Amino acid sequence: MFHHILVPTDASDRSRNALEIAAHMLGYRTADEEVGKITLLHVIQTVVGDEALEFQTFYDELKAQARRNMESLRGQVSSSVPVHQEIVLGHRVREILRFISDNAVDLTILSSHKVDPDNPVEGWGTISHKVGILAPCPVMLVK
């Protein structure tokens, strides 16, 4: 049913849970179904008003760290499931939504916080809430 699953990641344990769910979903295919792919996406939040050259070394270090973290996450899922890695710079929500639209993503799975029943409005400004509302594809939130 789903051929391209996006897993935005911050390399936390919650992201690992989202990746494991994506891998299980792609792992259950009949023999004649094409295996889909998973893309791990890490967005490095840029400094507002930055000059690219001034922060290039800083962003390069963050990219290297993100690659290591994503390789570690990727190593924890079945090798039979194709997992691609992407690292981009920009505004997190905007870049996730852009990636979904530009890459024919049919499901996004991302981690989310638990909602406090005494204060459910508290999480309305989170990345997961914004992506869940604005994404043009189905979104699964993993807690």
N, C-alpha and C. Protein backbone atom coordinates (compact mmCIF):
# COMPACT_ATOMS: atom_id res chain seq x y z
N MET A 1 0.81 -1.19 0.00
CA MET A 1 0.00 0.00 0.00
C MET A 1 0.86 1.27 0.00
N PHE A 2 1.86 1.31 0.88
CA PHE A 2 2.76 2.46 0.93
C PHE A 2 4.08 2.08 0.27
N HIS A 3 4.58 2.95 -0.59
CA HIS A 3 5.82 2.66 -1.31
C HIS A 3 6.99 3.52 -0.86
N HIS A 4 6.69 4.72 -0.38
CA HIS A 4 7.76 5.61 0.10
C HIS A 4 7.33 6.18 1.45
N ILE A 5 7.99 5.71 2.49
CA ILE A 5 7.69 6.16 3.85
C ILE A 5 8.81 7.09 4.31
N LEU A 6 8.42 8.25 4.77
CA LEU A 6 9.37 9.23 5.30
C LEU A 6 9.38 9.15 6.82
N VAL A 7 10.58 9.10 7.38
CA VAL A 7 10.75 9.12 8.84
C VAL A 7 11.65 10.30 9.18
N PRO A 8 11.06 11.46 9.49
CA PRO A 8 11.89 12.57 9.96
C PRO A 8 12.51 12.18 11.30
N THR A 9 13.79 12.47 11.48
CA THR A 9 14.46 11.99 12.67
C THR A 9 15.28 13.06 13.36
N ASP A 10 15.31 12.97 14.67
CA ASP A 10 16.23 13.77 15.46
C ASP A 10 17.23 12.84 16.15
N ALA A 11 17.24 11.56 15.71
CA ALA A 11 18.15 10.51 16.20
C ALA A 11 17.86 10.10 17.65
N SER A 12 16.70 10.38 18.14
CA SER A 12 16.33 9.97 19.50
C SER A 12 15.78 8.55 19.49
N ASP A 13 15.58 7.98 20.68
CA ASP A 13 14.97 6.65 20.78
C ASP A 13 13.57 6.64 20.18
N ARG A 14 12.86 7.75 20.31
CA ARG A 14 11.52 7.82 19.72
C ARG A 14 11.59 7.73 18.20
N SER A 15 12.63 8.31 17.61
CA SER A 15 12.81 8.20 16.16
C SER A 15 13.09 6.75 15.77
N ARG A 16 13.83 6.05 16.60
CA ARG A 16 14.10 4.64 16.33
C ARG A 16 12.80 3.85 16.29
N ASN A 17 11.89 4.15 17.20
CA ASN A 17 10.60 3.46 17.20
C ASN A 17 9.83 3.73 15.92
N ALA A 18 9.86 4.97 15.44
CA ALA A 18 9.18 5.32 14.19
C ALA A 18 9.80 4.57 13.02
N LEU A 19 11.12 4.46 12.98
CA LEU A 19 11.81 3.73 11.91
C LEU A 19 11.48 2.24 11.96
N GLU A 20 11.43 1.68 13.14
CA GLU A 20 11.09 0.25 13.28
C GLU A 20 9.68 -0.02 12.76
N ILE A 21 8.75 0.85 13.06
CA ILE A 21 7.38 0.69 12.56
C ILE A 21 7.36 0.77 11.04
N ALA A 22 8.08 1.73 10.47
CA ALA A 22 8.15 1.87 9.01
C ALA A 22 8.73 0.60 8.39
N ALA A 23 9.79 0.07 8.97
CA ALA A 23 10.42 -1.15 8.44
C ALA A 23 9.47 -2.33 8.51
N HIS A 24 8.73 -2.46 9.60
CA HIS A 24 7.76 -3.56 9.71
C HIS A 24 6.66 -3.41 8.67
N MET A 25 6.23 -2.19 8.44
CA MET A 25 5.17 -1.97 7.46
C MET A 25 5.64 -2.37 6.06
N LEU A 26 6.86 -2.05 5.71
CA LEU A 26 7.38 -2.42 4.40
C LEU A 26 7.77 -3.89 4.34
N GLY A 27 8.03 -4.48 5.49
CA GLY A 27 8.43 -5.89 5.52
C GLY A 27 7.30 -6.85 5.22
N TYR A 28 6.07 -6.43 5.38
CA TYR A 28 4.92 -7.31 5.15
C TYR A 28 4.38 -7.08 3.75
N ARG A 29 5.00 -7.73 2.79
CA ARG A 29 4.60 -7.65 1.38
C ARG A 29 4.38 -9.05 0.85
N THR A 30 3.49 -9.18 -0.10
CA THR A 30 3.34 -10.46 -0.78
C THR A 30 4.48 -10.59 -1.78
N ALA A 31 4.71 -11.78 -2.27
CA ALA A 31 5.84 -12.03 -3.16
C ALA A 31 5.82 -11.16 -4.42
N ASP A 32 4.64 -10.82 -4.91
CA ASP A 32 4.57 -10.04 -6.15
C ASP A 32 4.55 -8.53 -5.92
N GLU A 33 4.53 -8.08 -4.67
CA GLU A 33 4.53 -6.65 -4.39
C GLU A 33 5.95 -6.10 -4.39
N GLU A 34 6.10 -4.92 -4.94
CA GLU A 34 7.40 -4.25 -4.94
C GLU A 34 7.70 -3.74 -3.54
N VAL A 35 8.94 -3.97 -3.09
CA VAL A 35 9.34 -3.45 -1.79
C VAL A 35 9.51 -1.95 -1.94
N GLY A 36 8.96 -1.23 -1.00
CA GLY A 36 9.08 0.23 -1.04
C GLY A 36 10.40 0.68 -0.44
N LYS A 37 10.45 1.93 -0.10
CA LYS A 37 11.66 2.44 0.53
C LYS A 37 11.29 3.37 1.68
N ILE A 38 12.25 3.51 2.56
CA ILE A 38 12.14 4.42 3.70
C ILE A 38 13.20 5.49 3.51
N THR A 39 12.83 6.71 3.77
CA THR A 39 13.83 7.78 3.80
C THR A 39 13.88 8.35 5.21
N LEU A 40 15.06 8.30 5.80
CA LEU A 40 15.31 8.99 7.06
C LEU A 40 15.71 10.41 6.70
N LEU A 41 15.01 11.38 7.24
CA LEU A 41 15.29 12.78 6.94
C LEU A 41 15.65 13.51 8.22
N HIS A 42 16.79 14.15 8.20
CA HIS A 42 17.19 15.00 9.32
C HIS A 42 17.31 16.43 8.81
N VAL A 43 16.60 17.33 9.45
CA VAL A 43 16.66 18.73 9.06
C VAL A 43 17.46 19.48 10.13
N ILE A 44 18.53 20.10 9.68
CA ILE A 44 19.34 20.93 10.57
C ILE A 44 18.75 22.34 10.52
N GLN A 45 18.24 22.77 11.65
CA GLN A 45 17.63 24.10 11.74
C GLN A 45 18.71 25.16 11.53
N THR A 46 18.48 26.04 10.58
CA THR A 46 19.46 27.08 10.32
C THR A 46 19.21 28.30 11.21
N VAL A 47 20.27 29.06 11.39
CA VAL A 47 20.20 30.28 12.17
C VAL A 47 19.54 31.34 11.30
N VAL A 48 18.55 32.01 11.83
CA VAL A 48 17.84 33.05 11.07
C VAL A 48 18.80 34.17 10.73
N GLY A 49 18.82 34.54 9.46
CA GLY A 49 19.67 35.63 9.01
C GLY A 49 21.13 35.26 8.92
N ASP A 50 21.44 33.96 8.88
CA ASP A 50 22.85 33.56 8.83
C ASP A 50 23.44 33.83 7.45
N GLU A 51 24.71 34.00 7.42
CA GLU A 51 25.46 34.07 6.17
C GLU A 51 26.06 32.69 5.98
N ALA A 52 25.72 32.04 4.89
CA ALA A 52 26.10 30.65 4.65
C ALA A 52 27.59 30.39 4.89
N LEU A 53 28.45 31.26 4.42
CA LEU A 53 29.89 31.04 4.56
C LEU A 53 30.34 31.11 6.01
N GLU A 54 29.74 32.00 6.78
CA GLU A 54 30.13 32.15 8.18
C GLU A 54 29.83 30.92 9.00
N PHE A 55 28.76 30.22 8.67
CA PHE A 55 28.33 29.07 9.46
C PHE A 55 28.64 27.73 8.78
N GLN A 56 29.34 27.75 7.64
CA GLN A 56 29.55 26.52 6.87
C GLN A 56 30.23 25.43 7.70
N THR A 57 31.29 25.76 8.43
CA THR A 57 32.00 24.77 9.25
C THR A 57 31.07 24.21 10.32
N PHE A 58 30.31 25.08 10.94
CA PHE A 58 29.34 24.66 11.96
C PHE A 58 28.32 23.69 11.38
N TYR A 59 27.74 24.02 10.21
CA TYR A 59 26.75 23.14 9.57
C TYR A 59 27.39 21.84 9.10
N ASP A 60 28.62 21.89 8.62
CA ASP A 60 29.32 20.67 8.19
C ASP A 60 29.51 19.71 9.36
N GLU A 61 29.84 20.25 10.53
CA GLU A 61 30.00 19.42 11.73
C GLU A 61 28.66 18.80 12.14
N LEU A 62 27.60 19.59 12.07
CA LEU A 62 26.27 19.08 12.40
C LEU A 62 25.84 17.99 11.41
N LYS A 63 26.16 18.17 10.14
CA LYS A 63 25.84 17.15 9.13
C LYS A 63 26.59 15.85 9.41
N ALA A 64 27.86 15.95 9.75
CA ALA A 64 28.66 14.76 10.05
C ALA A 64 28.09 14.01 11.25
N GLN A 65 27.71 14.75 12.26
CA GLN A 65 27.11 14.13 13.45
C GLN A 65 25.77 13.49 13.10
N ALA A 66 24.97 14.17 12.29
CA ALA A 66 23.67 13.63 11.87
C ALA A 66 23.86 12.35 11.07
N ARG A 67 24.86 12.32 10.17
CA ARG A 67 25.14 11.11 9.39
C ARG A 67 25.47 9.92 10.29
N ARG A 68 26.32 10.17 11.28
CA ARG A 68 26.68 9.09 12.22
C ARG A 68 25.45 8.58 12.97
N ASN A 69 24.64 9.51 13.45
CA ASN A 69 23.43 9.13 14.18
C ASN A 69 22.46 8.36 13.30
N MET A 70 22.32 8.80 12.04
CA MET A 70 21.40 8.13 11.13
C MET A 70 21.92 6.75 10.74
N GLU A 71 23.23 6.60 10.59
CA GLU A 71 23.80 5.28 10.31
C GLU A 71 23.53 4.33 11.46
N SER A 72 23.63 4.83 12.68
CA SER A 72 23.34 4.01 13.84
C SER A 72 21.87 3.56 13.84
N LEU A 73 20.96 4.49 13.57
CA LEU A 73 19.54 4.15 13.48
C LEU A 73 19.30 3.14 12.37
N ARG A 74 19.88 3.39 11.22
CA ARG A 74 19.70 2.54 10.05
C ARG A 74 20.19 1.11 10.33
N GLY A 75 21.25 0.99 11.09
CA GLY A 75 21.80 -0.33 11.42
C GLY A 75 20.90 -1.16 12.31
N GLN A 76 19.87 -0.55 12.86
CA GLN A 76 18.98 -1.26 13.78
C GLN A 76 17.75 -1.85 13.11
N VAL A 77 17.63 -1.70 11.78
CA VAL A 77 16.49 -2.27 11.07
C VAL A 77 16.97 -3.32 10.10
N SER A 78 16.06 -4.16 9.66
CA SER A 78 16.38 -5.23 8.73
C SER A 78 17.06 -4.70 7.48
N SER A 79 18.10 -5.39 7.05
CA SER A 79 18.82 -4.97 5.85
C SER A 79 18.01 -5.23 4.58
N SER A 80 16.92 -5.97 4.68
CA SER A 80 16.09 -6.23 3.50
C SER A 80 15.20 -5.05 3.15
N VAL A 81 15.12 -4.09 4.02
CA VAL A 81 14.31 -2.90 3.77
C VAL A 81 15.23 -1.75 3.37
N PRO A 82 15.05 -1.20 2.16
CA PRO A 82 15.91 -0.09 1.74
C PRO A 82 15.65 1.17 2.57
N VAL A 83 16.71 1.68 3.19
CA VAL A 83 16.62 2.91 3.97
C VAL A 83 17.61 3.92 3.39
N HIS A 84 17.08 5.03 2.91
CA HIS A 84 17.90 6.10 2.36
C HIS A 84 18.01 7.20 3.41
N GLN A 85 19.07 7.96 3.34
CA GLN A 85 19.29 9.04 4.29
C GLN A 85 19.39 10.37 3.56
N GLU A 86 18.75 11.38 4.12
CA GLU A 86 18.82 12.73 3.58
C GLU A 86 19.03 13.70 4.74
N ILE A 87 19.92 14.64 4.52
CA ILE A 87 20.16 15.71 5.49
C ILE A 87 20.00 17.02 4.74
N VAL A 88 19.16 17.89 5.27
CA VAL A 88 18.95 19.19 4.64
C VAL A 88 19.06 20.29 5.70
N LEU A 89 19.31 21.48 5.23
CA LEU A 89 19.37 22.66 6.10
C LEU A 89 18.11 23.48 5.87
N GLY A 90 17.59 24.09 6.93
CA GLY A 90 16.44 24.97 6.78
C GLY A 90 15.53 24.94 7.98
N HIS A 91 14.32 25.41 7.76
CA HIS A 91 13.28 25.40 8.78
C HIS A 91 12.69 23.99 8.83
N ARG A 92 12.65 23.38 9.99
CA ARG A 92 12.30 21.96 10.09
C ARG A 92 10.96 21.61 9.45
N VAL A 93 9.90 22.24 9.86
CA VAL A 93 8.58 21.90 9.33
C VAL A 93 8.51 22.16 7.83
N ARG A 94 8.99 23.30 7.40
CA ARG A 94 8.96 23.66 5.98
C ARG A 94 9.73 22.64 5.13
N GLU A 95 10.90 22.22 5.61
CA GLU A 95 11.72 21.28 4.83
C GLU A 95 11.11 19.88 4.82
N ILE A 96 10.49 19.47 5.91
CA ILE A 96 9.80 18.17 5.92
C ILE A 96 8.66 18.18 4.91
N LEU A 97 7.86 19.23 4.93
CA LEU A 97 6.73 19.34 4.00
C LEU A 97 7.21 19.42 2.55
N ARG A 98 8.29 20.13 2.31
CA ARG A 98 8.86 20.23 0.96
C ARG A 98 9.33 18.85 0.49
N PHE A 99 10.00 18.12 1.38
CA PHE A 99 10.49 16.80 1.01
C PHE A 99 9.33 15.86 0.65
N ILE A 100 8.27 15.91 1.45
CA ILE A 100 7.09 15.08 1.19
C ILE A 100 6.55 15.37 -0.21
N SER A 101 6.38 16.63 -0.53
CA SER A 101 5.81 17.02 -1.83
C SER A 101 6.74 16.71 -2.99
N ASP A 102 8.03 16.94 -2.82
CA ASP A 102 8.99 16.78 -3.92
C ASP A 102 9.37 15.32 -4.19
N ASN A 103 9.08 14.41 -3.26
CA ASN A 103 9.59 13.05 -3.37
C ASN A 103 8.52 11.96 -3.32
N ALA A 104 7.30 12.30 -3.63
CA ALA A 104 6.21 11.32 -3.70
C ALA A 104 6.13 10.42 -2.46
N VAL A 105 6.21 11.04 -1.31
CA VAL A 105 6.07 10.31 -0.05
C VAL A 105 4.60 9.97 0.14
N ASP A 106 4.30 8.69 0.44
CA ASP A 106 2.89 8.37 0.66
C ASP A 106 2.52 8.14 2.12
N LEU A 107 3.51 8.13 3.02
CA LEU A 107 3.24 8.04 4.45
C LEU A 107 4.41 8.66 5.19
N THR A 108 4.11 9.45 6.19
CA THR A 108 5.14 10.01 7.07
C THR A 108 4.91 9.46 8.46
N ILE A 109 5.97 8.93 9.05
CA ILE A 109 5.89 8.42 10.42
C ILE A 109 6.91 9.19 11.24
N LEU A 110 6.43 9.87 12.27
CA LEU A 110 7.35 10.60 13.12
C LEU A 110 6.97 10.49 14.58
N SER A 111 7.96 10.69 15.40
CA SER A 111 7.72 10.60 16.84
C SER A 111 6.99 11.84 17.32
N SER A 112 6.26 11.65 18.39
CA SER A 112 5.51 12.74 18.99
C SER A 112 5.55 12.58 20.50
N HIS A 113 5.29 13.64 21.17
CA HIS A 113 5.23 13.59 22.63
C HIS A 113 3.87 13.06 23.08
N LYS A 114 3.82 12.62 24.29
CA LYS A 114 2.53 12.23 24.86
C LYS A 114 1.75 13.49 25.21
N VAL A 115 0.46 13.44 24.98
CA VAL A 115 -0.39 14.58 25.27
C VAL A 115 -0.82 14.53 26.74
N ASP A 116 -0.68 15.64 27.42
CA ASP A 116 -1.12 15.75 28.80
C ASP A 116 -2.63 15.98 28.81
N PRO A 117 -3.42 15.04 29.32
CA PRO A 117 -4.87 15.21 29.31
C PRO A 117 -5.34 16.46 30.06
N ASP A 118 -4.54 16.92 31.02
CA ASP A 118 -4.91 18.13 31.76
C ASP A 118 -4.60 19.41 31.00
N ASN A 119 -3.74 19.31 29.98
CA ASN A 119 -3.38 20.47 29.18
C ASN A 119 -3.12 20.04 27.73
N PRO A 120 -4.15 19.58 27.02
CA PRO A 120 -3.95 19.05 25.66
C PRO A 120 -3.50 20.08 24.63
N VAL A 121 -3.72 21.34 24.90
CA VAL A 121 -3.35 22.39 23.95
C VAL A 121 -1.83 22.62 23.92
N GLU A 122 -1.14 22.16 24.94
CA GLU A 122 0.29 22.42 25.09
C GLU A 122 1.11 21.99 23.87
N GLY A 123 0.76 20.90 23.21
CA GLY A 123 1.57 20.38 22.11
C GLY A 123 1.20 20.89 20.74
N TRP A 124 0.34 21.88 20.64
CA TRP A 124 -0.13 22.33 19.34
C TRP A 124 0.94 22.99 18.48
N GLY A 125 1.99 23.47 19.06
CA GLY A 125 3.03 24.13 18.28
C GLY A 125 4.21 23.24 17.94
N THR A 126 4.13 21.96 18.22
CA THR A 126 5.26 21.07 17.98
C THR A 126 5.41 20.75 16.50
N ILE A 127 6.58 20.26 16.13
CA ILE A 127 6.84 19.86 14.75
C ILE A 127 5.87 18.77 14.33
N SER A 128 5.66 17.78 15.18
CA SER A 128 4.78 16.66 14.82
C SER A 128 3.34 17.15 14.60
N HIS A 129 2.88 18.06 15.41
CA HIS A 129 1.53 18.59 15.23
C HIS A 129 1.41 19.35 13.92
N LYS A 130 2.37 20.19 13.63
CA LYS A 130 2.33 20.98 12.40
C LYS A 130 2.40 20.09 11.16
N VAL A 131 3.30 19.11 11.17
CA VAL A 131 3.41 18.19 10.03
C VAL A 131 2.13 17.38 9.90
N GLY A 132 1.58 16.92 11.02
CA GLY A 132 0.34 16.16 10.99
C GLY A 132 -0.81 16.91 10.37
N ILE A 133 -0.88 18.20 10.60
CA ILE A 133 -1.96 19.03 10.06
C ILE A 133 -1.70 19.43 8.61
N LEU A 134 -0.45 19.75 8.27
CA LEU A 134 -0.13 20.35 6.98
C LEU A 134 0.32 19.38 5.89
N ALA A 135 0.72 18.19 6.24
CA ALA A 135 1.26 17.25 5.25
C ALA A 135 0.17 16.82 4.25
N PRO A 136 0.54 16.68 2.97
CA PRO A 136 -0.42 16.26 1.95
C PRO A 136 -0.59 14.73 1.89
N CYS A 137 0.09 14.01 2.78
CA CYS A 137 -0.03 12.54 2.81
C CYS A 137 -0.45 12.13 4.22
N PRO A 138 -0.83 10.86 4.41
CA PRO A 138 -1.13 10.39 5.76
C PRO A 138 0.08 10.52 6.68
N VAL A 139 -0.17 10.80 7.94
CA VAL A 139 0.88 10.94 8.95
C VAL A 139 0.55 10.05 10.13
N MET A 140 1.53 9.27 10.54
CA MET A 140 1.39 8.44 11.73
C MET A 140 2.31 9.00 12.82
N LEU A 141 1.72 9.29 13.97
CA LEU A 141 2.51 9.80 15.09
C LEU A 141 2.79 8.64 16.05
N VAL A 142 4.06 8.49 16.42
CA VAL A 142 4.48 7.41 17.31
C VAL A 142 4.84 8.02 18.65
N LYS A 143 4.25 7.47 19.70
CA LYS A 143 4.54 7.97 21.05
C LYS A 143 5.33 6.97 21.82
